[in-house]
Amino acid sequence: METRPSFKDFKSKALSNENVKKEYNLLEERYKIIDMLISMRKEAGLTQEEIAAALHTSKSNISRLESHSYTSSPKLSTLVEYAHATGHKLELSFGRA
């Protein structure tokens, strides 16, 4: 009986493909932003409902914004408003890939 490769082995093999690695890196950046949004909200002691009220939108829109499976990109103005609602400011920086 053949054993399945571990996730670590699977990931290593998959990332050896340059196209897969490129897409993975793009998703990694997106997931990092989403994790930051959730952390900022929780640190501020706010619920999704409270953020939604501050942004004049619905809880479901905030839920989608904080979802790793949501594929649309938020507008920059939404990220700025979200940051302000949590007591933060948006700072952007770029680095070489």
C-alpha atoms as a PDB file:
ATOM      1  CA  MET A   1       0.000   0.000   0.000  1.00  0.00           C
ATOM      2  CA  GLU A   2       1.424   3.346  -1.099  1.00  0.00           C
ATOM      3  CA  THR A   3       1.459   6.100   1.496  1.00  0.00           C
ATOM      4  CA  ARG A   4       0.321   9.575   0.660  1.00  0.00           C
ATOM      5  CA  PRO A   5       2.971  12.288   0.711  1.00  0.00           C
ATOM      6  CA  SER A   6       2.917  14.662   3.646  1.00  0.00           C
ATOM      7  CA  PHE A   7       1.580  18.159   3.101  1.00  0.00           C
ATOM      8  CA  LYS A   8       5.121  19.481   3.471  1.00  0.00           C
ATOM      9  CA  ASP A   9       6.338  17.158   0.697  1.00  0.00           C
ATOM     10  CA  PHE A  10       3.342  17.979  -1.495  1.00  0.00           C
ATOM     11  CA  LYS A  11       3.885  21.713  -1.004  1.00  0.00           C
ATOM     12  CA  SER A  12       7.598  21.458  -1.732  1.00  0.00           C
ATOM     13  CA  LYS A  13       6.973  19.538  -4.940  1.00  0.00           C
ATOM     14  CA  ALA A  14       4.187  21.875  -6.037  1.00  0.00           C
ATOM     15  CA  LEU A  15       6.291  24.989  -5.378  1.00  0.00           C
ATOM     16  CA  SER A  16       9.087  23.633  -7.539  1.00  0.00           C
ATOM     17  CA  ASN A  17       6.826  24.551 -10.484  1.00  0.00           C
ATOM     18  CA  GLU A  18       7.437  28.265 -11.209  1.00  0.00           C
ATOM     19  CA  ASN A  19       3.809  28.918 -12.239  1.00  0.00           C
ATOM     20  CA  VAL A  20       2.488  27.343  -9.048  1.00  0.00           C
ATOM     21  CA  LYS A  21       5.046  29.248  -6.983  1.00  0.00           C
ATOM     22  CA  LYS A  22       4.009  32.557  -8.565  1.00  0.00           C
ATOM     23  CA  GLU A  23       0.319  31.956  -7.834  1.00  0.00           C
ATOM     24  CA  TYR A  24       1.095  30.755  -4.307  1.00  0.00           C
ATOM     25  CA  ASN A  25       3.051  33.922  -3.589  1.00  0.00           C
ATOM     26  CA  LEU A  26       0.171  36.058  -4.836  1.00  0.00           C
ATOM     27  CA  LEU A  27      -2.255  34.208  -2.560  1.00  0.00           C
ATOM     28  CA  GLU A  28       0.153  34.402   0.364  1.00  0.00           C
ATOM     29  CA  GLU A  29       0.176  38.206   0.111  1.00  0.00           C
ATOM     30  CA  ARG A  30      -3.628  38.298  -0.059  1.00  0.00           C
ATOM     31  CA  TYR A  31      -4.008  35.979   2.946  1.00  0.00           C
ATOM     32  CA  LYS A  32      -1.587  38.114   4.922  1.00  0.00           C
ATOM     33  CA  ILE A  33      -3.710  41.221   4.292  1.00  0.00           C
ATOM     34  CA  ILE A  34      -6.888  39.394   5.304  1.00  0.00           C
ATOM     35  CA  ASP A  35      -5.234  38.131   8.493  1.00  0.00           C
ATOM     36  CA  MET A  36      -4.131  41.687   9.258  1.00  0.00           C
ATOM     37  CA  LEU A  37      -7.676  43.012   8.822  1.00  0.00           C
ATOM     38  CA  ILE A  38      -9.092  40.411  11.184  1.00  0.00           C
ATOM     39  CA  SER A  39      -6.343  41.065  13.748  1.00  0.00           C
ATOM     40  CA  MET A  40      -6.938  44.829  13.608  1.00  0.00           C
ATOM     41  CA  ARG A  41     -10.672  44.361  14.134  1.00  0.00           C
ATOM     42  CA  LYS A  42     -10.206  41.981  17.048  1.00  0.00           C
ATOM     43  CA  GLU A  43      -7.514  44.183  18.611  1.00  0.00           C
ATOM     44  CA  ALA A  44      -9.973  47.095  18.432  1.00  0.00           C
ATOM     45  CA  GLY A  45     -12.584  44.916  20.161  1.00  0.00           C
ATOM     46  CA  LEU A  46     -15.032  45.306  17.297  1.00  0.00           C
ATOM     47  CA  THR A  47     -17.439  42.854  15.717  1.00  0.00           C
ATOM     48  CA  GLN A  48     -18.070  42.537  12.008  1.00  0.00           C
ATOM     49  CA  GLU A  49     -21.424  44.242  12.627  1.00  0.00           C
ATOM     50  CA  GLU A  50     -19.691  47.232  14.236  1.00  0.00           C
ATOM     51  CA  ILE A  51     -17.183  47.558  11.408  1.00  0.00           C
ATOM     52  CA  ALA A  52     -20.039  47.304   8.914  1.00  0.00           C
ATOM     53  CA  ALA A  53     -21.902  50.133  10.656  1.00  0.00           C
ATOM     54  CA  ALA A  54     -18.790  52.320  10.626  1.00  0.00           C
ATOM     55  CA  LEU A  55     -18.310  51.663   6.899  1.00  0.00           C
ATOM     56  CA  HIS A  56     -22.036  52.064   6.117  1.00  0.00           C
ATOM     57  CA  THR A  57     -22.264  48.573   4.699  1.00  0.00           C
ATOM     58  CA  SER A  58     -23.609  45.160   5.696  1.00  0.00           C
ATOM     59  CA  LYS A  59     -22.054  42.511   7.915  1.00  0.00           C
ATOM     60  CA  SER A  60     -22.042  40.135   4.948  1.00  0.00           C
ATOM     61  CA  ASN A  61     -19.771  42.544   3.035  1.00  0.00           C
ATOM     62  CA  ILE A  62     -17.326  42.603   5.944  1.00  0.00           C
ATOM     63  CA  SER A  63     -17.519  38.826   6.224  1.00  0.00           C
ATOM     64  CA  ARG A  64     -16.623  38.515   2.525  1.00  0.00           C
ATOM     65  CA  LEU A  65     -13.795  41.043   2.909  1.00  0.00           C
ATOM     66  CA  GLU A  66     -12.338  38.941   5.749  1.00  0.00           C
ATOM     67  CA  SER A  67     -12.797  35.630   3.931  1.00  0.00           C
ATOM     68  CA  HIS A  68      -9.841  33.723   2.495  1.00  0.00           C
ATOM     69  CA  SER A  69     -12.120  32.240  -0.137  1.00  0.00           C
ATOM     70  CA  TYR A  70     -13.416  35.576  -1.461  1.00  0.00           C
ATOM     71  CA  THR A  71     -11.817  36.227  -4.839  1.00  0.00           C
ATOM     72  CA  SER A  72     -12.631  39.892  -5.496  1.00  0.00           C
ATOM     73  CA  SER A  73     -10.204  42.588  -4.465  1.00  0.00           C
ATOM     74  CA  PRO A  74     -11.391  45.341  -2.144  1.00  0.00           C
ATOM     75  CA  LYS A  75     -11.147  48.973  -3.190  1.00  0.00           C
ATOM     76  CA  LEU A  76      -8.311  50.937  -1.658  1.00  0.00           C
ATOM     77  CA  SER A  77     -10.857  53.327  -0.123  1.00  0.00           C
ATOM     78  CA  THR A  78     -12.500  50.370   1.658  1.00  0.00           C
ATOM     79  CA  LEU A  79      -9.172  49.340   3.178  1.00  0.00           C
ATOM     80  CA  VAL A  80      -8.523  52.941   4.298  1.00  0.00           C
ATOM     81  CA  GLU A  81     -11.983  53.195   5.908  1.00  0.00           C
ATOM     82  CA  TYR A  82     -11.587  49.791   7.561  1.00  0.00           C
ATOM     83  CA  ALA A  83      -8.215  50.802   8.988  1.00  0.00           C
ATOM     84  CA  HIS A  84      -9.637  54.077  10.356  1.00  0.00           C
ATOM     85  CA  ALA A  85     -12.613  52.263  11.908  1.00  0.00           C
ATOM     86  CA  THR A  86     -10.172  50.071  13.849  1.00  0.00           C
ATOM     87  CA  GLY A  87      -7.954  52.965  14.936  1.00  0.00           C
ATOM     88  CA  HIS A  88      -5.256  52.302  12.345  1.00  0.00           C
ATOM     89  CA  LYS A  89      -3.992  53.947   9.208  1.00  0.00           C
ATOM     90  CA  LEU A  90      -3.142  52.270   5.945  1.00  0.00           C
ATOM     91  CA  GLU A  91       0.531  52.278   5.016  1.00  0.00           C
ATOM     92  CA  LEU A  92       1.689  50.801   1.726  1.00  0.00           C
ATOM     93  CA  SER A  93       5.115  49.633   0.730  1.00  0.00           C
ATOM     94  CA  PHE A  94       6.458  47.673  -2.161  1.00  0.00           C
ATOM     95  CA  GLY A  95       9.476  45.434  -2.385  1.00  0.00           C
ATOM     96  CA  ARG A  96      11.205  43.580  -5.140  1.00  0.00           C
ATOM     97  CA  ALA A  97       9.849  40.137  -5.860  1.00  0.00           C
END
